[in-house]
Amino acid sequence: MIAIDALPETDAARTYGDELSCFVVYAGGAMFGLPVDAVHAIFRIQSITPVPLGPPVVLGLVNLRGKIVTAVSLARRLNMSEGEPAHVYGVAIDSGGESYALVVDAVGDAMTCRETDRAPTPTHVSEARANLTQAYYRIEAGLLPVLDIDALFELNPRRSRHENRAQHEATHGADT
Protein backbone atom coordinates (compact mmCIF):
# COMPACT_ATOMS: atom_id res chain seq x y z
CA MET A 1 0.00 0.00 0.00
CA ILE A 2 1.18 3.50 -0.78
CA ALA A 3 0.11 6.00 1.87
CA ILE A 4 -0.34 9.55 0.73
CA ASP A 5 0.23 12.43 3.13
CA ALA A 6 -2.97 14.46 3.10
CA LEU A 7 -2.53 18.03 2.00
CA PRO A 8 -4.67 20.83 3.43
CA GLU A 9 -8.19 20.96 1.98
CA THR A 10 -8.58 23.38 -0.89
CA ASP A 11 -11.41 24.34 -3.20
CA ALA A 12 -12.95 21.83 -5.58
CA ALA A 13 -10.56 22.77 -8.39
CA ARG A 14 -7.61 21.48 -6.33
CA THR A 15 -5.12 23.65 -8.14
CA TYR A 16 -1.86 25.08 -6.90
CA GLY A 17 -1.24 28.33 -8.69
CA ASP A 18 -1.63 27.45 -12.31
CA GLU A 19 -0.88 23.73 -11.84
CA LEU A 20 -2.89 20.67 -10.86
CA SER A 21 -1.15 17.57 -9.49
CA CYS A 22 -2.81 14.28 -10.48
CA PHE A 23 -2.42 10.54 -10.23
CA VAL A 24 -3.10 8.76 -13.49
CA VAL A 25 -5.37 5.71 -13.23
CA TYR A 26 -6.74 3.33 -15.85
CA ALA A 27 -10.19 1.79 -16.07
CA GLY A 28 -12.13 0.27 -18.93
CA GLY A 29 -9.14 0.74 -21.24
CA ALA A 30 -9.02 4.53 -20.71
CA MET A 31 -6.82 6.92 -18.73
CA PHE A 32 -8.07 9.37 -16.07
CA GLY A 33 -6.59 11.83 -13.61
CA LEU A 34 -7.38 12.03 -9.90
CA PRO A 35 -6.32 15.15 -7.95
CA VAL A 36 -3.42 14.16 -5.69
CA ASP A 37 -4.83 15.86 -2.61
CA ALA A 38 -8.06 13.81 -2.87
CA VAL A 39 -6.14 10.51 -2.65
CA HIS A 40 -5.30 9.05 0.77
CA ALA A 41 -3.76 5.75 -0.31
CA ILE A 42 -3.36 3.41 -3.25
CA PHE A 43 -3.58 -0.27 -2.43
CA ARG A 44 -3.87 -3.69 -4.03
CA ILE A 45 -7.33 -5.16 -3.49
CA GLN A 46 -7.21 -8.62 -1.94
CA SER A 47 -10.94 -9.36 -1.94
CA ILE A 48 -14.29 -7.64 -2.34
CA THR A 49 -17.32 -8.68 -0.31
CA PRO A 50 -20.42 -8.24 -2.49
CA VAL A 51 -23.36 -6.17 -1.19
CA PRO A 52 -26.73 -7.65 -2.18
CA LEU A 53 -29.15 -5.18 -3.80
CA GLY A 54 -26.49 -2.46 -4.00
CA PRO A 55 -26.28 -0.13 -6.98
CA PRO A 56 -24.40 -1.59 -9.99
CA VAL A 57 -21.45 0.80 -9.52
CA VAL A 58 -20.84 -0.58 -6.01
CA LEU A 59 -18.77 -3.74 -6.27
CA GLY A 60 -19.03 -4.38 -2.53
CA LEU A 61 -16.96 -3.71 0.56
CA VAL A 62 -13.18 -3.85 1.08
CA ASN A 63 -10.99 -3.75 4.14
CA LEU A 64 -8.63 -0.77 4.20
CA ARG A 65 -6.31 -0.97 7.21
CA GLY A 66 -9.11 -2.35 9.39
CA LYS A 67 -11.74 0.07 8.11
CA ILE A 68 -14.55 -1.26 5.92
CA VAL A 69 -15.11 1.02 2.90
CA THR A 70 -17.41 0.96 -0.12
CA ALA A 71 -15.73 -0.25 -3.32
CA VAL A 72 -16.93 1.73 -6.36
CA SER A 73 -15.99 0.64 -9.88
CA LEU A 74 -14.65 3.56 -11.90
CA ALA A 75 -15.49 1.80 -15.17
CA ARG A 76 -19.08 1.20 -14.12
CA ARG A 77 -19.44 4.72 -12.71
CA LEU A 78 -18.44 6.10 -16.12
CA ASN A 79 -20.71 3.63 -17.97
CA MET A 80 -17.75 1.95 -19.64
CA SER A 81 -17.41 -1.66 -20.67
CA GLU A 82 -15.19 -3.43 -18.20
CA GLY A 83 -13.94 -6.34 -20.25
CA GLU A 84 -12.24 -8.85 -17.99
CA PRO A 85 -12.84 -7.67 -14.42
CA ALA A 86 -9.33 -6.97 -13.17
CA HIS A 87 -10.27 -4.94 -10.08
CA VAL A 88 -6.67 -4.92 -9.01
CA TYR A 89 -6.19 -1.55 -7.31
CA GLY A 90 -8.16 0.59 -4.90
CA VAL A 91 -7.69 4.31 -4.49
CA ALA A 92 -8.76 5.44 -1.01
CA ILE A 93 -10.78 8.65 -1.23
CA ASP A 94 -13.08 10.49 1.18
CA SER A 95 -16.08 12.31 -0.24
CA GLY A 96 -19.20 13.69 1.41
CA GLY A 97 -18.10 12.41 4.83
CA GLU A 98 -17.78 8.82 3.58
CA SER A 99 -14.73 6.69 2.75
CA TYR A 100 -14.50 4.88 -0.58
CA ALA A 101 -12.17 2.63 -2.52
CA LEU A 102 -12.29 3.68 -6.15
CA VAL A 103 -11.58 0.43 -8.00
CA VAL A 104 -9.33 0.78 -11.05
CA ASP A 105 -7.44 -1.61 -13.32
CA ALA A 106 -4.03 0.06 -13.05
CA VAL A 107 -2.29 3.06 -11.53
CA GLY A 108 0.19 5.18 -13.44
CA ASP A 109 2.47 8.00 -12.41
CA ALA A 110 1.77 11.27 -10.70
CA MET A 111 1.90 14.22 -13.06
CA THR A 112 1.49 17.96 -13.05
CA CYS A 113 -1.04 19.50 -15.42
CA ARG A 114 -0.53 23.14 -16.31
CA GLU A 115 -3.34 25.61 -16.91
CA THR A 116 -1.83 26.38 -20.32
CA ASP A 117 -2.50 22.73 -21.29
CA ARG A 118 -6.14 22.83 -20.26
CA ALA A 119 -8.55 21.93 -23.06
CA PRO A 120 -12.28 22.46 -23.53
CA THR A 121 -14.59 19.50 -23.02
CA PRO A 122 -14.56 17.53 -26.29
CA THR A 123 -17.86 17.70 -28.15
CA HIS A 124 -18.16 13.89 -28.35
CA VAL A 125 -18.18 13.49 -24.54
CA SER A 126 -21.65 12.75 -23.17
CA GLU A 127 -23.22 15.17 -20.72
CA ALA A 128 -23.24 12.46 -18.04
CA ARG A 129 -19.47 11.93 -18.43
CA ALA A 130 -18.77 15.67 -18.62
CA ASN A 131 -20.63 16.14 -15.31
CA LEU A 132 -18.15 13.77 -13.65
CA THR A 133 -15.11 15.57 -15.05
CA GLN A 134 -13.51 18.65 -13.53
CA ALA A 135 -11.19 19.48 -16.45
CA TYR A 136 -9.37 18.11 -19.50
CA TYR A 137 -5.63 18.55 -20.08
CA ARG A 138 -3.49 17.93 -23.15
CA ILE A 139 -0.66 15.58 -22.25
CA GLU A 140 1.87 13.67 -24.35
CA ALA A 141 -0.32 10.53 -24.36
CA GLY A 142 -3.47 12.41 -25.46
CA LEU A 143 -6.23 14.11 -23.51
CA LEU A 144 -6.41 13.50 -19.75
CA PRO A 145 -9.84 13.89 -18.16
CA VAL A 146 -9.41 14.86 -14.50
CA LEU A 147 -12.34 13.53 -12.52
CA ASP A 148 -14.49 15.60 -10.16
CA ILE A 149 -14.25 13.61 -6.93
CA ASP A 150 -17.43 14.94 -5.31
CA ALA A 151 -19.52 14.33 -8.44
CA LEU A 152 -17.97 10.88 -8.91
CA PHE A 153 -19.18 9.69 -5.51
CA GLU A 154 -22.65 11.22 -5.71
CA LEU A 155 -24.23 7.80 -6.00
CA ASN A 156 -27.86 8.84 -5.42
CA PRO A 157 -28.77 10.84 -8.54
CA ARG A 158 -32.24 11.64 -7.25
CA ARG A 159 -30.94 13.74 -4.35
CA SER A 160 -27.89 15.95 -4.11
CA ARG A 161 -25.27 15.47 -1.40
CA HIS A 162 -26.59 18.62 0.29
CA GLU A 163 -30.14 17.25 0.24
CA ASN A 164 -28.92 13.95 1.71
CA ARG A 165 -27.08 15.82 4.49
CA ALA A 166 -30.12 18.01 5.20
CA GLN A 167 -32.28 14.88 5.41
CA HIS A 168 -29.77 13.26 7.78
CA GLU A 169 -29.67 16.36 10.00
CA ALA A 170 -33.45 16.62 10.02
CA THR A 171 -33.70 12.98 11.11
CA HIS A 172 -30.73 12.69 13.46
CA GLY A 173 -29.84 16.27 14.42
CA ALA A 174 -27.01 18.47 13.20
CA ASP A 175 -24.44 17.06 15.63
CA THR A 176 -24.31 13.53 14.23
C-alpha atoms as a PDB file:
ATOM      1  CA  MET A   1       0.000   0.000   0.000  1.00  0.00           C
ATOM      2  CA  ILE A   2       1.178   3.496  -0.781  1.00  0.00           C
ATOM      3  CA  ALA A   3       0.113   6.000   1.874  1.00  0.00           C
ATOM      4  CA  ILE A   4      -0.339   9.548   0.728  1.00  0.00           C
ATOM      5  CA  ASP A   5       0.228  12.427   3.128  1.00  0.00           C
ATOM      6  CA  ALA A   6      -2.967  14.462   3.097  1.00  0.00           C
ATOM      7  CA  LEU A   7      -2.528  18.032   1.996  1.00  0.00           C
ATOM      8  CA  PRO A   8      -4.671  20.831   3.433  1.00  0.00           C
ATOM      9  CA  GLU A   9      -8.193  20.963   1.982  1.00  0.00           C
ATOM     10  CA  THR A  10      -8.575  23.384  -0.893  1.00  0.00           C
ATOM     11  CA  ASP A  11     -11.406  24.337  -3.205  1.00  0.00           C
ATOM     12  CA  ALA A  12     -12.949  21.825  -5.582  1.00  0.00           C
ATOM     13  CA  ALA A  13     -10.564  22.770  -8.393  1.00  0.00           C
ATOM     14  CA  ARG A  14      -7.614  21.483  -6.327  1.00  0.00           C
ATOM     15  CA  THR A  15      -5.120  23.649  -8.136  1.00  0.00           C
ATOM     16  CA  TYR A  16      -1.860  25.083  -6.898  1.00  0.00           C
ATOM     17  CA  GLY A  17      -1.240  28.332  -8.689  1.00  0.00           C
ATOM     18  CA  ASP A  18      -1.635  27.445 -12.313  1.00  0.00           C
ATOM     19  CA  GLU A  19      -0.880  23.727 -11.841  1.00  0.00           C
ATOM     20  CA  LEU A  20      -2.888  20.670 -10.855  1.00  0.00           C
ATOM     21  CA  SER A  21      -1.151  17.571  -9.493  1.00  0.00           C
ATOM     22  CA  CYS A  22      -2.808  14.280 -10.483  1.00  0.00           C
ATOM     23  CA  PHE A  23      -2.417  10.540 -10.227  1.00  0.00           C
ATOM     24  CA  VAL A  24      -3.099   8.761 -13.489  1.00  0.00           C
ATOM     25  CA  VAL A  25      -5.366   5.711 -13.229  1.00  0.00           C
ATOM     26  CA  TYR A  26      -6.738   3.327 -15.848  1.00  0.00           C
ATOM     27  CA  ALA A  27     -10.193   1.786 -16.070  1.00  0.00           C
ATOM     28  CA  GLY A  28     -12.125   0.268 -18.934  1.00  0.00           C
ATOM     29  CA  GLY A  29      -9.141   0.744 -21.240  1.00  0.00           C
ATOM     30  CA  ALA A  30      -9.022   4.529 -20.705  1.00  0.00           C
ATOM     31  CA  MET A  31      -6.820   6.916 -18.730  1.00  0.00           C
ATOM     32  CA  PHE A  32      -8.066   9.367 -16.070  1.00  0.00           C
ATOM     33  CA  GLY A  33      -6.587  11.833 -13.615  1.00  0.00           C
ATOM     34  CA  LEU A  34      -7.378  12.035  -9.905  1.00  0.00           C
ATOM     35  CA  PRO A  35      -6.325  15.151  -7.951  1.00  0.00           C
ATOM     36  CA  VAL A  36      -3.420  14.163  -5.691  1.00  0.00           C
ATOM     37  CA  ASP A  37      -4.833  15.863  -2.612  1.00  0.00           C
ATOM     38  CA  ALA A  38      -8.055  13.813  -2.866  1.00  0.00           C
ATOM     39  CA  VAL A  39      -6.141  10.507  -2.654  1.00  0.00           C
ATOM     40  CA  HIS A  40      -5.305   9.054   0.772  1.00  0.00           C
ATOM     41  CA  ALA A  41      -3.758   5.755  -0.307  1.00  0.00           C
ATOM     42  CA  ILE A  42      -3.363   3.413  -3.252  1.00  0.00           C
ATOM     43  CA  PHE A  43      -3.582  -0.273  -2.432  1.00  0.00           C
ATOM     44  CA  ARG A  44      -3.868  -3.693  -4.030  1.00  0.00           C
ATOM     45  CA  ILE A  45      -7.328  -5.161  -3.491  1.00  0.00           C
ATOM     46  CA  GLN A  46      -7.206  -8.623  -1.938  1.00  0.00           C
ATOM     47  CA  SER A  47     -10.939  -9.361  -1.944  1.00  0.00           C
ATOM     48  CA  ILE A  48     -14.292  -7.639  -2.343  1.00  0.00           C
ATOM     49  CA  THR A  49     -17.317  -8.679  -0.311  1.00  0.00           C
ATOM     50  CA  PRO A  50     -20.421  -8.236  -2.487  1.00  0.00           C
ATOM     51  CA  VAL A  51     -23.359  -6.170  -1.193  1.00  0.00           C
ATOM     52  CA  PRO A  52     -26.730  -7.652  -2.176  1.00  0.00           C
ATOM     53  CA  LEU A  53     -29.148  -5.183  -3.801  1.00  0.00           C
ATOM     54  CA  GLY A  54     -26.494  -2.461  -3.997  1.00  0.00           C
ATOM     55  CA  PRO A  55     -26.282  -0.132  -6.980  1.00  0.00           C
ATOM     56  CA  PRO A  56     -24.401  -1.589  -9.990  1.00  0.00           C
ATOM     57  CA  VAL A  57     -21.451   0.798  -9.520  1.00  0.00           C
ATOM     58  CA  VAL A  58     -20.839  -0.578  -6.014  1.00  0.00           C
ATOM     59  CA  LEU A  59     -18.768  -3.744  -6.270  1.00  0.00           C
ATOM     60  CA  GLY A  60     -19.029  -4.379  -2.531  1.00  0.00           C
ATOM     61  CA  LEU A  61     -16.956  -3.706   0.562  1.00  0.00           C
ATOM     62  CA  VAL A  62     -13.179  -3.854   1.079  1.00  0.00           C
ATOM     63  CA  ASN A  63     -10.988  -3.751   4.143  1.00  0.00           C
ATOM     64  CA  LEU A  64      -8.635  -0.765   4.202  1.00  0.00           C
ATOM     65  CA  ARG A  65      -6.313  -0.974   7.212  1.00  0.00           C
ATOM     66  CA  GLY A  66      -9.105  -2.347   9.389  1.00  0.00           C
ATOM     67  CA  LYS A  67     -11.744   0.068   8.109  1.00  0.00           C
ATOM     68  CA  ILE A  68     -14.555  -1.260   5.919  1.00  0.00           C
ATOM     69  CA  VAL A  69     -15.109   1.019   2.901  1.00  0.00           C
ATOM     70  CA  THR A  70     -17.414   0.958  -0.119  1.00  0.00           C
ATOM     71  CA  ALA A  71     -15.730  -0.249  -3.316  1.00  0.00           C
ATOM     72  CA  VAL A  72     -16.927   1.731  -6.356  1.00  0.00           C
ATOM     73  CA  SER A  73     -15.988   0.636  -9.882  1.00  0.00           C
ATOM     74  CA  LEU A  74     -14.650   3.564 -11.903  1.00  0.00           C
ATOM     75  CA  ALA A  75     -15.491   1.802 -15.169  1.00  0.00           C
ATOM     76  CA  ARG A  76     -19.083   1.197 -14.118  1.00  0.00           C
ATOM     77  CA  ARG A  77     -19.443   4.721 -12.714  1.00  0.00           C
ATOM     78  CA  LEU A  78     -18.435   6.100 -16.116  1.00  0.00           C
ATOM     79  CA  ASN A  79     -20.711   3.631 -17.971  1.00  0.00           C
ATOM     80  CA  MET A  80     -17.748   1.955 -19.642  1.00  0.00           C
ATOM     81  CA  SER A  81     -17.409  -1.657 -20.670  1.00  0.00           C
ATOM     82  CA  GLU A  82     -15.189  -3.432 -18.195  1.00  0.00           C
ATOM     83  CA  GLY A  83     -13.936  -6.344 -20.250  1.00  0.00           C
ATOM     84  CA  GLU A  84     -12.238  -8.855 -17.991  1.00  0.00           C
ATOM     85  CA  PRO A  85     -12.843  -7.674 -14.424  1.00  0.00           C
ATOM     86  CA  ALA A  86      -9.331  -6.970 -13.174  1.00  0.00           C
ATOM     87  CA  HIS A  87     -10.273  -4.936 -10.076  1.00  0.00           C
ATOM     88  CA  VAL A  88      -6.674  -4.919  -9.008  1.00  0.00           C
ATOM     89  CA  TYR A  89      -6.188  -1.547  -7.306  1.00  0.00           C
ATOM     90  CA  GLY A  90      -8.155   0.585  -4.901  1.00  0.00           C
ATOM     91  CA  VAL A  91      -7.691   4.310  -4.494  1.00  0.00           C
ATOM     92  CA  ALA A  92      -8.755   5.444  -1.013  1.00  0.00           C
ATOM     93  CA  ILE A  93     -10.784   8.653  -1.227  1.00  0.00           C
ATOM     94  CA  ASP A  94     -13.082  10.493   1.183  1.00  0.00           C
ATOM     95  CA  SER A  95     -16.081  12.315  -0.237  1.00  0.00           C
ATOM     96  CA  GLY A  96     -19.195  13.687   1.413  1.00  0.00           C
ATOM     97  CA  GLY A  97     -18.105  12.406   4.826  1.00  0.00           C
ATOM     98  CA  GLU A  98     -17.781   8.822   3.582  1.00  0.00           C
ATOM     99  CA  SER A  99     -14.734   6.694   2.746  1.00  0.00           C
ATOM    100  CA  TYR A 100     -14.502   4.876  -0.577  1.00  0.00           C
ATOM    101  CA  ALA A 101     -12.173   2.629  -2.516  1.00  0.00           C
ATOM    102  CA  LEU A 102     -12.289   3.678  -6.155  1.00  0.00           C
ATOM    103  CA  VAL A 103     -11.578   0.429  -7.997  1.00  0.00           C
ATOM    104  CA  VAL A 104      -9.329   0.783 -11.047  1.00  0.00           C
ATOM    105  CA  ASP A 105      -7.440  -1.611 -13.318  1.00  0.00           C
ATOM    106  CA  ALA A 106      -4.034   0.057 -13.048  1.00  0.00           C
ATOM    107  CA  VAL A 107      -2.291   3.057 -11.529  1.00  0.00           C
ATOM    108  CA  GLY A 108       0.189   5.178 -13.444  1.00  0.00           C
ATOM    109  CA  ASP A 109       2.465   8.001 -12.413  1.00  0.00           C
ATOM    110  CA  ALA A 110       1.773  11.270 -10.698  1.00  0.00           C
ATOM    111  CA  MET A 111       1.901  14.216 -13.058  1.00  0.00           C
ATOM    112  CA  THR A 112       1.493  17.957 -13.049  1.00  0.00           C
ATOM    113  CA  CYS A 113      -1.040  19.504 -15.415  1.00  0.00           C
ATOM    114  CA  ARG A 114      -0.528  23.144 -16.311  1.00  0.00           C
ATOM    115  CA  GLU A 115      -3.335  25.614 -16.910  1.00  0.00           C
ATOM    116  CA  THR A 116      -1.833  26.378 -20.324  1.00  0.00           C
ATOM    117  CA  ASP A 117      -2.495  22.728 -21.293  1.00  0.00           C
ATOM    118  CA  ARG A 118      -6.140  22.830 -20.261  1.00  0.00           C
ATOM    119  CA  ALA A 119      -8.553  21.934 -23.057  1.00  0.00           C
ATOM    120  CA  PRO A 120     -12.282  22.462 -23.532  1.00  0.00           C
ATOM    121  CA  THR A 121     -14.594  19.503 -23.022  1.00  0.00           C
ATOM    122  CA  PRO A 122     -14.562  17.530 -26.288  1.00  0.00           C
ATOM    123  CA  THR A 123     -17.864  17.698 -28.147  1.00  0.00           C
ATOM    124  CA  HIS A 124     -18.156  13.892 -28.349  1.00  0.00           C
ATOM    125  CA  VAL A 125     -18.180  13.492 -24.540  1.00  0.00           C
ATOM    126  CA  SER A 126     -21.647  12.745 -23.167  1.00  0.00           C
ATOM    127  CA  GLU A 127     -23.218  15.168 -20.718  1.00  0.00           C
ATOM    128  CA  ALA A 128     -23.242  12.461 -18.038  1.00  0.00           C
ATOM    129  CA  ARG A 129     -19.473  11.927 -18.429  1.00  0.00           C
ATOM    130  CA  ALA A 130     -18.773  15.666 -18.621  1.00  0.00           C
ATOM    131  CA  ASN A 131     -20.625  16.141 -15.313  1.00  0.00           C
ATOM    132  CA  LEU A 132     -18.150  13.766 -13.647  1.00  0.00           C
ATOM    133  CA  THR A 133     -15.106  15.573 -15.050  1.00  0.00           C
ATOM    134  CA  GLN A 134     -13.510  18.653 -13.533  1.00  0.00           C
ATOM    135  CA  ALA A 135     -11.191  19.478 -16.453  1.00  0.00           C
ATOM    136  CA  TYR A 136      -9.369  18.113 -19.505  1.00  0.00           C
ATOM    137  CA  TYR A 137      -5.632  18.551 -20.079  1.00  0.00           C
ATOM    138  CA  ARG A 138      -3.487  17.935 -23.146  1.00  0.00           C
ATOM    139  CA  ILE A 139      -0.659  15.579 -22.246  1.00  0.00           C
ATOM    140  CA  GLU A 140       1.868  13.666 -24.347  1.00  0.00           C
ATOM    141  CA  ALA A 141      -0.319  10.527 -24.360  1.00  0.00           C
ATOM    142  CA  GLY A 142      -3.467  12.415 -25.456  1.00  0.00           C
ATOM    143  CA  LEU A 143      -6.228  14.111 -23.510  1.00  0.00           C
ATOM    144  CA  LEU A 144      -6.406  13.497 -19.751  1.00  0.00           C
ATOM    145  CA  PRO A 145      -9.841  13.893 -18.159  1.00  0.00           C
ATOM    146  CA  VAL A 146      -9.407  14.864 -14.496  1.00  0.00           C
ATOM    147  CA  LEU A 147     -12.344  13.532 -12.521  1.00  0.00           C
ATOM    148  CA  ASP A 148     -14.494  15.603 -10.160  1.00  0.00           C
ATOM    149  CA  ILE A 149     -14.249  13.608  -6.928  1.00  0.00           C
ATOM    150  CA  ASP A 150     -17.427  14.941  -5.307  1.00  0.00           C
ATOM    151  CA  ALA A 151     -19.516  14.329  -8.443  1.00  0.00           C
ATOM    152  CA  LEU A 152     -17.966  10.882  -8.906  1.00  0.00           C
ATOM    153  CA  PHE A 153     -19.179   9.692  -5.506  1.00  0.00           C
ATOM    154  CA  GLU A 154     -22.648  11.219  -5.707  1.00  0.00           C
ATOM    155  CA  LEU A 155     -24.231   7.797  -5.998  1.00  0.00           C
ATOM    156  CA  ASN A 156     -27.860   8.842  -5.423  1.00  0.00           C
ATOM    157  CA  PRO A 157     -28.767  10.839  -8.543  1.00  0.00           C
ATOM    158  CA  ARG A 158     -32.237  11.638  -7.254  1.00  0.00           C
ATOM    159  CA  ARG A 159     -30.942  13.742  -4.355  1.00  0.00           C
ATOM    160  CA  SER A 160     -27.893  15.950  -4.113  1.00  0.00           C
ATOM    161  CA  ARG A 161     -25.265  15.468  -1.402  1.00  0.00           C
ATOM    162  CA  HIS A 162     -26.593  18.619   0.294  1.00  0.00           C
ATOM    163  CA  GLU A 163     -30.145  17.252   0.239  1.00  0.00           C
ATOM    164  CA  ASN A 164     -28.916  13.948   1.706  1.00  0.00           C
ATOM    165  CA  ARG A 165     -27.081  15.818   4.488  1.00  0.00           C
ATOM    166  CA  ALA A 166     -30.125  18.008   5.196  1.00  0.00           C
ATOM    167  CA  GLN A 167     -32.281  14.876   5.411  1.00  0.00           C
ATOM    168  CA  HIS A 168     -29.771  13.258   7.780  1.00  0.00           C
ATOM    169  CA  GLU A 169     -29.672  16.365   9.996  1.00  0.00           C
ATOM    170  CA  ALA A 170     -33.453  16.618  10.022  1.00  0.00           C
ATOM    171  CA  THR A 171     -33.704  12.978  11.113  1.00  0.00           C
ATOM    172  CA  HIS A 172     -30.726  12.690  13.463  1.00  0.00           C
ATOM    173  CA  GLY A 173     -29.841  16.266  14.420  1.00  0.00           C
ATOM    174  CA  ALA A 174     -27.015  18.468  13.199  1.00  0.00           C
ATOM    175  CA  ASP A 175     -24.436  17.062  15.633  1.00  0.00           C
ATOM    176  CA  THR A 176     -24.309  13.527  14.235  1.00  0.00           C
END
